[in-house]
Amino acid sequence: MLALVLHKPNFDKNILEREKKRYISSISQSDMMPATIASKAFMSALYGDHPYGLSGSGEANTIEKIIKKDLDNFYKNNYLSNELSIVIVGDISQKEAEDIGQKISLGFTENKIVSSIPLVREKKGEEIRISHPAKQAHLYYGAPIIKRGDPDFLSLYLGNYILGGGGFVSRLTQVIREDRGLAYSVYSYFMPYIEAGPFQIGVQTKKNQVNQAKDLIEKTVSDFIKNGPTSSELKRAKDFMIGGFPLKLDSNKSILEYVSMMAFYKYPLDYLDTFTKKIDKITAEEIKSAFQRRVDMNKFSTVIVGSE
């Protein structure tokens, strides 16, 4: 069945029209939500006319124009043997896996022209405020910083757990939620892409508190860049990441997702075996150095939807 779908796709015109209507309806509804408005404006502010600045869901006016020929051409130009990775997780032998992989891949054409993502151009940060009748304001704050395979990624990743990725034990949560009661949750994360992906901080709060939240976020990030984590924060973050890592691989589905990511981004085969060892070796000074070298707040953009 999988081989049939992959090698002989049927882009039925009636189904295409049905799905276009469904997508357009979903996009139209989503575009009224403050979170969607903020997300689109934030990525546009960070990336401008770069492909990363486009909405992953597409836009209603472009989806409306898609015809069967467009799908046929996309299939022809993108379903290629030299672009294909096959990941199989389960109770089968290597020989059985190779046989399955051969059946799946047999028949795909090869294209020597490898598509590429353009470089992300540096741009000055900006502040965008968009009015919205929602009771709460949505604030996004950040900049493009890191791509896949970057040698600083694990230091930034571990540091961000302390800054805003660790939920209730993160600094941003302590400052924004516990100390001031400005929001139920606040988060930050690095999202590496093939080219520079975003570092993003997000929070929802009352409209009359959003400026206070923004100032506190900026101060917390600035202090973390300047001073790095404390020894107790670093130990707690390492204990969580190292101790909880096996739980991330507790099912075939979880393993499949990790190995598929490794295949897509061409990670080394020992990535999962060495991950916790590399995390354990990271020092507080390495985290501080990585943040000071890579996180330039002068390039951060701010998007607020629902500001007064």
C-alpha atoms as a PDB file:
ATOM      1  CA  MET A   1       0.000   0.000   0.000  1.00  0.00           C
ATOM      2  CA  LEU A   2       2.808   2.425   0.871  1.00  0.00           C
ATOM      3  CA  ALA A   3       4.635   1.653  -2.374  1.00  0.00           C
ATOM      4  CA  LEU A   4       1.432   2.216  -4.332  1.00  0.00           C
ATOM      5  CA  VAL A   5       0.801   5.595  -2.690  1.00  0.00           C
ATOM      6  CA  LEU A   6       4.409   6.719  -3.185  1.00  0.00           C
ATOM      7  CA  HIS A   7       4.857   5.574  -6.774  1.00  0.00           C
ATOM      8  CA  LYS A   8       1.381   6.002  -8.249  1.00  0.00           C
ATOM      9  CA  PRO A   9      -0.278   8.899  -6.456  1.00  0.00           C
ATOM     10  CA  ASN A  10      -3.763   9.748  -7.642  1.00  0.00           C
ATOM     11  CA  PHE A  11      -4.292  13.490  -7.421  1.00  0.00           C
ATOM     12  CA  ASP A  12      -8.022  13.244  -8.086  1.00  0.00           C
ATOM     13  CA  LYS A  13      -9.440  16.616  -9.150  1.00  0.00           C
ATOM     14  CA  ASN A  14     -12.582  16.237  -7.057  1.00  0.00           C
ATOM     15  CA  ILE A  15     -10.605  15.369  -3.946  1.00  0.00           C
ATOM     16  CA  LEU A  16      -8.217  18.258  -4.658  1.00  0.00           C
ATOM     17  CA  GLU A  17     -11.106  20.732  -4.784  1.00  0.00           C
ATOM     18  CA  ARG A  18     -12.577  19.302  -1.589  1.00  0.00           C
ATOM     19  CA  GLU A  19      -9.271  19.575   0.265  1.00  0.00           C
ATOM     20  CA  LYS A  20      -8.664  23.098  -1.030  1.00  0.00           C
ATOM     21  CA  LYS A  21     -12.000  24.202   0.429  1.00  0.00           C
ATOM     22  CA  ARG A  22     -11.179  22.524   3.738  1.00  0.00           C
ATOM     23  CA  TYR A  23      -7.755  24.147   3.946  1.00  0.00           C
ATOM     24  CA  ILE A  24      -9.054  27.586   2.972  1.00  0.00           C
ATOM     25  CA  SER A  25     -11.803  27.371   5.591  1.00  0.00           C
ATOM     26  CA  SER A  26      -9.289  26.341   8.266  1.00  0.00           C
ATOM     27  CA  ILE A  27      -6.874  29.134   7.321  1.00  0.00           C
ATOM     28  CA  SER A  28      -9.645  31.751   7.265  1.00  0.00           C
ATOM     29  CA  GLN A  29     -10.731  30.773  10.778  1.00  0.00           C
ATOM     30  CA  SER A  30      -7.165  30.588  12.077  1.00  0.00           C
ATOM     31  CA  ASP A  31      -6.269  33.985  10.643  1.00  0.00           C
ATOM     32  CA  MET A  32      -8.704  35.623  13.057  1.00  0.00           C
ATOM     33  CA  MET A  33      -6.955  34.142  16.102  1.00  0.00           C
ATOM     34  CA  PRO A  34      -4.414  36.394  17.859  1.00  0.00           C
ATOM     35  CA  ALA A  35      -1.862  33.588  18.193  1.00  0.00           C
ATOM     36  CA  THR A  36      -1.893  32.964  14.433  1.00  0.00           C
ATOM     37  CA  ILE A  37      -1.695  36.663  13.647  1.00  0.00           C
ATOM     38  CA  ALA A  38       1.241  37.043  16.038  1.00  0.00           C
ATOM     39  CA  SER A  39       3.078  33.994  14.699  1.00  0.00           C
ATOM     40  CA  LYS A  40       2.792  35.099  11.070  1.00  0.00           C
ATOM     41  CA  ALA A  41       3.825  38.668  11.870  1.00  0.00           C
ATOM     42  CA  PHE A  42       6.753  37.431  13.978  1.00  0.00           C
ATOM     43  CA  MET A  43       8.178  35.138  11.278  1.00  0.00           C
ATOM     44  CA  SER A  44       7.705  37.860   8.676  1.00  0.00           C
ATOM     45  CA  ALA A  45       9.540  40.347  10.908  1.00  0.00           C
ATOM     46  CA  LEU A  46      12.430  37.912  11.388  1.00  0.00           C
ATOM     47  CA  TYR A  47      12.763  36.681   7.814  1.00  0.00           C
ATOM     48  CA  GLY A  48      11.180  39.222   5.463  1.00  0.00           C
ATOM     49  CA  ASP A  49      10.902  37.713   1.966  1.00  0.00           C
ATOM     50  CA  HIS A  50      12.975  34.641   2.860  1.00  0.00           C
ATOM     51  CA  PRO A  51      11.010  31.335   2.535  1.00  0.00           C
ATOM     52  CA  TYR A  52      11.101  30.926   6.329  1.00  0.00           C
ATOM     53  CA  GLY A  53       8.947  34.048   6.535  1.00  0.00           C
ATOM     54  CA  LEU A  54       6.091  32.306   4.744  1.00  0.00           C
ATOM     55  CA  SER A  55       3.246  30.656   6.618  1.00  0.00           C
ATOM     56  CA  GLY A  56       3.589  26.888   6.865  1.00  0.00           C
ATOM     57  CA  SER A  57      -0.177  26.496   6.361  1.00  0.00           C
ATOM     58  CA  GLY A  58      -0.132  28.495   3.149  1.00  0.00           C
ATOM     59  CA  GLU A  59      -2.432  31.387   2.286  1.00  0.00           C
ATOM     60  CA  ALA A  60      -6.014  31.118   1.076  1.00  0.00           C
ATOM     61  CA  ASN A  61      -5.385  33.062  -2.133  1.00  0.00           C
ATOM     62  CA  THR A  62      -2.449  30.844  -3.185  1.00  0.00           C
ATOM     63  CA  ILE A  63      -4.114  27.552  -2.258  1.00  0.00           C
ATOM     64  CA  GLU A  64      -7.125  28.554  -4.338  1.00  0.00           C
ATOM     65  CA  LYS A  65      -4.885  28.700  -7.448  1.00  0.00           C
ATOM     66  CA  ILE A  66      -3.426  25.185  -7.083  1.00  0.00           C
ATOM     67  CA  ILE A  67      -4.417  22.767  -9.860  1.00  0.00           C
ATOM     68  CA  LYS A  68      -3.702  19.075 -10.451  1.00  0.00           C
ATOM     69  CA  LYS A  69      -0.749  19.898 -12.720  1.00  0.00           C
ATOM     70  CA  ASP A  70       0.955  21.717  -9.826  1.00  0.00           C
ATOM     71  CA  LEU A  71       0.768  18.574  -7.677  1.00  0.00           C
ATOM     72  CA  ASP A  72       2.015  16.398 -10.537  1.00  0.00           C
ATOM     73  CA  ASN A  73       5.002  18.704 -11.058  1.00  0.00           C
ATOM     74  CA  PHE A  74       5.769  18.874  -7.352  1.00  0.00           C
ATOM     75  CA  TYR A  75       5.727  15.092  -7.142  1.00  0.00           C
ATOM     76  CA  LYS A  76       7.977  14.766 -10.202  1.00  0.00           C
ATOM     77  CA  ASN A  77      10.513  17.311  -8.914  1.00  0.00           C
ATOM     78  CA  ASN A  78      10.655  16.304  -5.238  1.00  0.00           C
ATOM     79  CA  TYR A  79      10.009  12.563  -4.855  1.00  0.00           C
ATOM     80  CA  LEU A  80      13.523  11.539  -5.870  1.00  0.00           C
ATOM     81  CA  SER A  81      15.773   8.616  -4.969  1.00  0.00           C
ATOM     82  CA  ASN A  82      18.693  10.883  -4.060  1.00  0.00           C
ATOM     83  CA  GLU A  83      16.456  12.856  -1.662  1.00  0.00           C
ATOM     84  CA  LEU A  84      14.969   9.758  -0.023  1.00  0.00           C
ATOM     85  CA  SER A  85      15.615   8.482   3.497  1.00  0.00           C
ATOM     86  CA  ILE A  86      13.898   5.343   4.784  1.00  0.00           C
ATOM     87  CA  VAL A  87      13.760   4.748   8.540  1.00  0.00           C
ATOM     88  CA  ILE A  88      12.388   1.458   9.891  1.00  0.00           C
ATOM     89  CA  VAL A  89      12.008   0.705  13.595  1.00  0.00           C
ATOM     90  CA  GLY A  90      10.716  -2.642  14.778  1.00  0.00           C
ATOM     91  CA  ASP A  91      11.391  -6.310  15.385  1.00  0.00           C
ATOM     92  CA  ILE A  92      12.876  -7.155  11.987  1.00  0.00           C
ATOM     93  CA  SER A  93      16.347  -8.129  10.815  1.00  0.00           C
ATOM     94  CA  GLN A  94      18.630  -5.876   8.816  1.00  0.00           C
ATOM     95  CA  LYS A  95      18.059  -8.082   5.748  1.00  0.00           C
ATOM     96  CA  GLU A  96      14.286  -7.740   6.101  1.00  0.00           C
ATOM     97  CA  ALA A  97      14.623  -3.969   6.508  1.00  0.00           C
ATOM     98  CA  GLU A  98      16.823  -3.751   3.407  1.00  0.00           C
ATOM     99  CA  ASP A  99      14.261  -5.729   1.394  1.00  0.00           C
ATOM    100  CA  ILE A 100      11.442  -3.420   2.513  1.00  0.00           C
ATOM    101  CA  GLY A 101      13.551  -0.361   1.737  1.00  0.00           C
ATOM    102  CA  GLN A 102      14.352  -1.720  -1.716  1.00  0.00           C
ATOM    103  CA  LYS A 103      10.673  -2.262  -2.516  1.00  0.00           C
ATOM    104  CA  ILE A 104       9.796   1.241  -1.354  1.00  0.00           C
ATOM    105  CA  SER A 105      12.610   3.032  -3.192  1.00  0.00           C
ATOM    106  CA  LEU A 106      12.584   1.037  -6.434  1.00  0.00           C
ATOM    107  CA  GLY A 107      11.282   3.165  -9.268  1.00  0.00           C
ATOM    108  CA  PHE A 108      12.002   6.630  -7.976  1.00  0.00           C
ATOM    109  CA  THR A 109      13.950   8.810 -10.398  1.00  0.00           C
ATOM    110  CA  GLU A 110      17.130  10.679  -9.473  1.00  0.00           C
ATOM    111  CA  ASN A 111      17.782  14.353  -9.916  1.00  0.00           C
ATOM    112  CA  LYS A 112      21.348  15.619  -9.709  1.00  0.00           C
ATOM    113  CA  ILE A 113      20.175  19.187  -9.122  1.00  0.00           C
ATOM    114  CA  VAL A 114      19.941  19.518  -5.341  1.00  0.00           C
ATOM    115  CA  SER A 115      17.609  22.232  -4.120  1.00  0.00           C
ATOM    116  CA  SER A 116      18.938  24.594  -1.473  1.00  0.00           C
ATOM    117  CA  ILE A 117      17.597  27.066   1.058  1.00  0.00           C
ATOM    118  CA  PRO A 118      18.930  30.630   0.653  1.00  0.00           C
ATOM    119  CA  LEU A 119      20.995  32.121   3.450  1.00  0.00           C
ATOM    120  CA  VAL A 120      19.151  34.126   6.087  1.00  0.00           C
ATOM    121  CA  ARG A 121      20.175  37.761   5.826  1.00  0.00           C
ATOM    122  CA  GLU A 122      20.811  39.672   9.019  1.00  0.00           C
ATOM    123  CA  LYS A 123      18.275  42.396   9.617  1.00  0.00           C
ATOM    124  CA  LYS A 124      17.717  44.975  12.301  1.00  0.00           C
ATOM    125  CA  GLY A 125      15.130  44.151  14.915  1.00  0.00           C
ATOM    126  CA  GLU A 126      11.782  45.928  14.878  1.00  0.00           C
ATOM    127  CA  GLU A 127       8.714  46.257  17.062  1.00  0.00           C
ATOM    128  CA  ILE A 128       5.287  45.565  15.599  1.00  0.00           C
ATOM    129  CA  ARG A 129       2.040  46.186  17.487  1.00  0.00           C
ATOM    130  CA  ILE A 130      -1.254  44.925  16.073  1.00  0.00           C
ATOM    131  CA  SER A 131      -4.627  45.746  17.606  1.00  0.00           C
ATOM    132  CA  HIS A 132      -7.047  42.895  18.369  1.00  0.00           C
ATOM    133  CA  PRO A 133     -10.235  42.656  20.450  1.00  0.00           C
ATOM    134  CA  ALA A 134      -8.989  39.639  22.437  1.00  0.00           C
ATOM    135  CA  LYS A 135      -8.775  40.198  26.199  1.00  0.00           C
ATOM    136  CA  GLN A 136      -5.134  39.080  26.343  1.00  0.00           C
ATOM    137  CA  ALA A 137      -2.130  40.320  24.418  1.00  0.00           C
ATOM    138  CA  HIS A 138       0.208  37.857  22.682  1.00  0.00           C
ATOM    139  CA  LEU A 139       3.886  38.774  22.725  1.00  0.00           C
ATOM    140  CA  TYR A 140       6.626  37.120  20.636  1.00  0.00           C
ATOM    141  CA  TYR A 141      10.258  38.164  20.980  1.00  0.00           C
ATOM    142  CA  GLY A 142      13.407  36.856  19.299  1.00  0.00           C
ATOM    143  CA  ALA A 143      15.631  36.596  16.221  1.00  0.00           C
ATOM    144  CA  PRO A 144      17.108  34.066  13.767  1.00  0.00           C
ATOM    145  CA  ILE A 145      20.169  32.527  15.419  1.00  0.00           C
ATOM    146  CA  ILE A 146      21.085  28.912  14.838  1.00  0.00           C
ATOM    147  CA  LYS A 147      20.992  26.189  12.196  1.00  0.00           C
ATOM    148  CA  ARG A 148      21.250  22.410  12.339  1.00  0.00           C
ATOM    149  CA  GLY A 149      24.678  21.031  13.121  1.00  0.00           C
ATOM    150  CA  ASP A 150      25.887  24.241  14.780  1.00  0.00           C
ATOM    151  CA  PRO A 151      28.641  23.447  17.331  1.00  0.00           C
ATOM    152  CA  ASP A 152      27.032  25.819  19.858  1.00  0.00           C
ATOM    153  CA  PHE A 153      23.626  24.155  19.714  1.00  0.00           C
ATOM    154  CA  LEU A 154      23.885  21.903  22.780  1.00  0.00           C
ATOM    155  CA  SER A 155      25.269  24.736  24.942  1.00  0.00           C
ATOM    156  CA  LEU A 156      22.440  27.016  23.813  1.00  0.00           C
ATOM    157  CA  TYR A 157      19.892  24.205  24.200  1.00  0.00           C
ATOM    158  CA  LEU A 158      20.965  23.415  27.760  1.00  0.00           C
ATOM    159  CA  GLY A 159      21.175  27.099  28.644  1.00  0.00           C
ATOM    160  CA  ASN A 160      17.716  27.731  27.286  1.00  0.00           C
ATOM    161  CA  TYR A 161      16.264  25.045  29.549  1.00  0.00           C
ATOM    162  CA  ILE A 162      17.427  27.221  32.426  1.00  0.00           C
ATOM    163  CA  LEU A 163      16.321  30.482  30.830  1.00  0.00           C
ATOM    164  CA  GLY A 164      12.846  29.614  29.567  1.00  0.00           C
ATOM    165  CA  GLY A 165      12.591  26.056  28.295  1.00  0.00           C
ATOM    166  CA  GLY A 166      12.299  24.296  31.624  1.00  0.00           C
ATOM    167  CA  GLY A 167       8.700  25.128  32.407  1.00  0.00           C
ATOM    168  CA  PHE A 168       8.071  25.945  36.057  1.00  0.00           C
ATOM    169  CA  VAL A 169      11.774  25.807  36.960  1.00  0.00           C
ATOM    170  CA  SER A 170      12.937  28.322  34.355  1.00  0.00           C
ATOM    171  CA  ARG A 171      14.009  31.875  35.133  1.00  0.00           C
ATOM    172  CA  LEU A 172      11.401  33.455  32.892  1.00  0.00           C
ATOM    173  CA  THR A 173       8.623  31.549  34.655  1.00  0.00           C
ATOM    174  CA  GLN A 174       9.999  32.596  38.035  1.00  0.00           C
ATOM    175  CA  VAL A 175      10.109  36.263  37.037  1.00  0.00           C
ATOM    176  CA  ILE A 176       6.918  36.509  34.980  1.00  0.00           C
ATOM    177  CA  ARG A 177       4.616  34.037  36.758  1.00  0.00           C
ATOM    178  CA  GLU A 178       5.839  33.402  40.287  1.00  0.00           C
ATOM    179  CA  ASP A 179       7.210  36.837  41.222  1.00  0.00           C
ATOM    180  CA  ARG A 180       4.784  39.099  39.315  1.00  0.00           C
ATOM    181  CA  GLY A 181       1.778  36.943  38.419  1.00  0.00           C
ATOM    182  CA  LEU A 182       1.686  38.402  34.911  1.00  0.00           C
ATOM    183  CA  ALA A 183       0.981  35.151  33.039  1.00  0.00           C
ATOM    184  CA  TYR A 184       0.245  31.481  33.557  1.00  0.00           C
ATOM    185  CA  SER A 185       3.104  30.437  31.303  1.00  0.00           C
ATOM    186  CA  VAL A 186       6.059  31.924  29.447  1.00  0.00           C
ATOM    187  CA  TYR A 187       8.483  29.971  27.291  1.00  0.00           C
ATOM    188  CA  SER A 188      11.561  30.219  25.111  1.00  0.00           C
ATOM    189  CA  TYR A 189      13.160  27.852  22.628  1.00  0.00           C
ATOM    190  CA  PHE A 190      15.740  27.525  19.878  1.00  0.00           C
ATOM    191  CA  MET A 191      14.389  26.004  16.659  1.00  0.00           C
ATOM    192  CA  PRO A 192      17.300  25.196  14.332  1.00  0.00           C
ATOM    193  CA  TYR A 193      16.532  24.867  10.628  1.00  0.00           C
ATOM    194  CA  ILE A 194      18.779  24.048   7.665  1.00  0.00           C
ATOM    195  CA  GLU A 195      19.610  27.756   7.762  1.00  0.00           C
ATOM    196  CA  ALA A 196      19.342  30.034  10.808  1.00  0.00           C
ATOM    197  CA  GLY A 197      16.177  29.208  12.721  1.00  0.00           C
ATOM    198  CA  PRO A 198      14.522  31.371  15.360  1.00  0.00           C
ATOM    199  CA  PHE A 199      15.140  31.846  19.031  1.00  0.00           C
ATOM    200  CA  GLN A 200      11.669  32.694  20.278  1.00  0.00           C
ATOM    201  CA  ILE A 201      10.183  33.828  23.562  1.00  0.00           C
ATOM    202  CA  GLY A 202       6.414  33.890  23.937  1.00  0.00           C
ATOM    203  CA  VAL A 203       3.911  34.969  26.561  1.00  0.00           C
ATOM    204  CA  GLN A 204       0.218  35.836  26.881  1.00  0.00           C
ATOM    205  CA  THR A 205      -0.825  38.425  29.414  1.00  0.00           C
ATOM    206  CA  LYS A 206      -3.393  41.143  30.087  1.00  0.00           C
ATOM    207  CA  LYS A 207      -3.221  44.039  27.671  1.00  0.00           C
ATOM    208  CA  ASN A 208      -2.391  46.531  30.389  1.00  0.00           C
ATOM    209  CA  GLN A 209       0.496  44.329  31.579  1.00  0.00           C
ATOM    210  CA  VAL A 210       2.173  43.503  28.277  1.00  0.00           C
ATOM    211  CA  ASN A 211       4.696  46.354  28.437  1.00  0.00           C
ATOM    212  CA  GLN A 212       5.730  45.320  31.931  1.00  0.00           C
ATOM    213  CA  ALA A 213       6.115  41.721  30.775  1.00  0.00           C
ATOM    214  CA  LYS A 214       8.190  42.847  27.795  1.00  0.00           C
ATOM    215  CA  ASP A 215      10.559  44.851  30.007  1.00  0.00           C
ATOM    216  CA  LEU A 216      10.988  41.953  32.431  1.00  0.00           C
ATOM    217  CA  ILE A 217      11.678  39.488  29.611  1.00  0.00           C
ATOM    218  CA  GLU A 218      14.320  41.760  28.124  1.00  0.00           C
ATOM    219  CA  LYS A 219      15.994  42.235  31.509  1.00  0.00           C
ATOM    220  CA  THR A 220      15.947  38.499  32.280  1.00  0.00           C
ATOM    221  CA  VAL A 221      17.483  37.607  28.921  1.00  0.00           C
ATOM    222  CA  SER A 222      20.076  40.354  29.245  1.00  0.00           C
ATOM    223  CA  ASP A 223      21.072  39.202  32.737  1.00  0.00           C
ATOM    224  CA  PHE A 224      21.375  35.592  31.553  1.00  0.00           C
ATOM    225  CA  ILE A 225      23.587  36.590  28.629  1.00  0.00           C
ATOM    226  CA  LYS A 226      25.791  38.654  30.923  1.00  0.00           C
ATOM    227  CA  ASN A 227      26.143  36.202  33.822  1.00  0.00           C
ATOM    228  CA  GLY A 228      25.154  32.756  32.550  1.00  0.00           C
ATOM    229  CA  PRO A 229      23.587  30.087  34.771  1.00  0.00           C
ATOM    230  CA  THR A 230      24.363  29.376  38.407  1.00  0.00           C
ATOM    231  CA  SER A 231      25.914  26.056  39.400  1.00  0.00           C
ATOM    232  CA  SER A 232      22.669  24.871  40.992  1.00  0.00           C
ATOM    233  CA  GLU A 233      20.654  25.789  37.881  1.00  0.00           C
ATOM    234  CA  LEU A 234      23.118  23.924  35.682  1.00  0.00           C
ATOM    235  CA  LYS A 235      23.032  20.801  37.844  1.00  0.00           C
ATOM    236  CA  ARG A 236      19.234  20.755  37.914  1.00  0.00           C
ATOM    237  CA  ALA A 237      19.045  21.174  34.126  1.00  0.00           C
ATOM    238  CA  LYS A 238      21.564  18.392  33.510  1.00  0.00           C
ATOM    239  CA  ASP A 239      19.810  16.050  35.936  1.00  0.00           C
ATOM    240  CA  PHE A 240      16.530  16.584  34.118  1.00  0.00           C
ATOM    241  CA  MET A 241      17.913  16.210  30.601  1.00  0.00           C
ATOM    242  CA  ILE A 242      20.114  13.222  31.312  1.00  0.00           C
ATOM    243  CA  GLY A 243      17.673  11.474  33.623  1.00  0.00           C
ATOM    244  CA  GLY A 244      14.677  12.072  31.397  1.00  0.00           C
ATOM    245  CA  PHE A 245      16.327  11.262  28.075  1.00  0.00           C
ATOM    246  CA  PRO A 246      15.461   7.524  28.094  1.00  0.00           C
ATOM    247  CA  LEU A 247      11.782   8.485  28.401  1.00  0.00           C
ATOM    248  CA  LYS A 248      12.079  10.291  25.069  1.00  0.00           C
ATOM    249  CA  LEU A 249      12.909   6.923  23.478  1.00  0.00           C
ATOM    250  CA  ASP A 250      10.282   4.797  25.213  1.00  0.00           C
ATOM    251  CA  SER A 251       8.398   3.698  22.097  1.00  0.00           C
ATOM    252  CA  ASN A 252       9.049   2.729  18.503  1.00  0.00           C
ATOM    253  CA  LYS A 253       7.254   5.898  17.417  1.00  0.00           C
ATOM    254  CA  SER A 254       9.573   8.083  19.506  1.00  0.00           C
ATOM    255  CA  ILE A 255      12.670   6.338  18.180  1.00  0.00           C
ATOM    256  CA  LEU A 256      11.349   6.628  14.636  1.00  0.00           C
ATOM    257  CA  GLU A 257      10.860  10.377  15.001  1.00  0.00           C
ATOM    258  CA  TYR A 258      14.383  10.919  16.360  1.00  0.00           C
ATOM    259  CA  VAL A 259      16.084   8.747  13.753  1.00  0.00           C
ATOM    260  CA  SER A 260      14.048  10.352  10.960  1.00  0.00           C
ATOM    261  CA  MET A 261      15.266  13.750  12.157  1.00  0.00           C
ATOM    262  CA  MET A 262      18.836  12.435  12.159  1.00  0.00           C
ATOM    263  CA  ALA A 263      18.431  11.126   8.612  1.00  0.00           C
ATOM    264  CA  PHE A 264      16.825  14.302   7.287  1.00  0.00           C
ATOM    265  CA  TYR A 265      19.478  16.604   8.759  1.00  0.00           C
ATOM    266  CA  LYS A 266      22.338  14.142   8.185  1.00  0.00           C
ATOM    267  CA  TYR A 267      23.262  13.784  11.859  1.00  0.00           C
ATOM    268  CA  PRO A 268      25.936  11.215  12.811  1.00  0.00           C
ATOM    269  CA  LEU A 269      24.627   7.731  13.546  1.00  0.00           C
ATOM    270  CA  ASP A 270      25.852   7.871  17.156  1.00  0.00           C
ATOM    271  CA  TYR A 271      23.891  11.071  17.931  1.00  0.00           C
ATOM    272  CA  LEU A 272      21.501   9.409  20.386  1.00  0.00           C
ATOM    273  CA  ASP A 273      24.298   7.370  22.014  1.00  0.00           C
ATOM    274  CA  THR A 274      26.449  10.435  22.709  1.00  0.00           C
ATOM    275  CA  PHE A 275      23.771  13.050  23.467  1.00  0.00           C
ATOM    276  CA  THR A 276      23.706  12.722  27.263  1.00  0.00           C
ATOM    277  CA  LYS A 277      27.500  12.441  27.492  1.00  0.00           C
ATOM    278  CA  LYS A 278      27.883  15.716  25.606  1.00  0.00           C
ATOM    279  CA  ILE A 279      25.259  17.423  27.765  1.00  0.00           C
ATOM    280  CA  ASP A 280      27.033  16.273  30.942  1.00  0.00           C
ATOM    281  CA  LYS A 281      30.337  17.855  29.814  1.00  0.00           C
ATOM    282  CA  ILE A 282      28.933  21.337  29.194  1.00  0.00           C
ATOM    283  CA  THR A 283      30.081  23.963  31.701  1.00  0.00           C
ATOM    284  CA  ALA A 284      28.403  27.148  32.899  1.00  0.00           C
ATOM    285  CA  GLU A 285      31.160  29.144  31.228  1.00  0.00           C
ATOM    286  CA  GLU A 286      30.495  27.434  27.881  1.00  0.00           C
ATOM    287  CA  ILE A 287      26.810  28.327  28.132  1.00  0.00           C
ATOM    288  CA  LYS A 288      27.589  31.946  28.970  1.00  0.00           C
ATOM    289  CA  SER A 289      30.114  32.167  26.145  1.00  0.00           C
ATOM    290  CA  ALA A 290      27.680  30.680  23.618  1.00  0.00           C
ATOM    291  CA  PHE A 291      24.918  33.096  24.602  1.00  0.00           C
ATOM    292  CA  GLN A 292      27.257  36.095  24.545  1.00  0.00           C
ATOM    293  CA  ARG A 293      28.583  35.193  21.099  1.00  0.00           C
ATOM    294  CA  ARG A 294      25.330  34.133  19.476  1.00  0.00           C
ATOM    295  CA  VAL A 295      22.405  35.945  21.121  1.00  0.00           C
ATOM    296  CA  ASP A 296      22.427  39.609  20.071  1.00  0.00           C
ATOM    297  CA  MET A 297      19.398  41.355  21.536  1.00  0.00           C
ATOM    298  CA  ASN A 298      19.918  44.331  19.214  1.00  0.00           C
ATOM    299  CA  LYS A 299      18.670  42.071  16.412  1.00  0.00           C
ATOM    300  CA  PHE A 300      15.582  40.898  18.300  1.00  0.00           C
ATOM    301  CA  SER A 301      12.131  41.742  16.943  1.00  0.00           C
ATOM    302  CA  THR A 302       9.021  42.105  19.067  1.00  0.00           C
ATOM    303  CA  VAL A 303       5.475  41.397  17.930  1.00  0.00           C
ATOM    304  CA  ILE A 304       2.530  42.233  20.180  1.00  0.00           C
ATOM    305  CA  VAL A 305      -0.992  41.382  19.084  1.00  0.00           C
ATOM    306  CA  GLY A 306      -3.691  42.902  21.258  1.00  0.00           C
ATOM    307  CA  SER A 307      -1.720  45.799  22.702  1.00  0.00           C
ATOM    308  CA  GLU A 308      -3.712  48.737  24.053  1.00  0.00           C
END
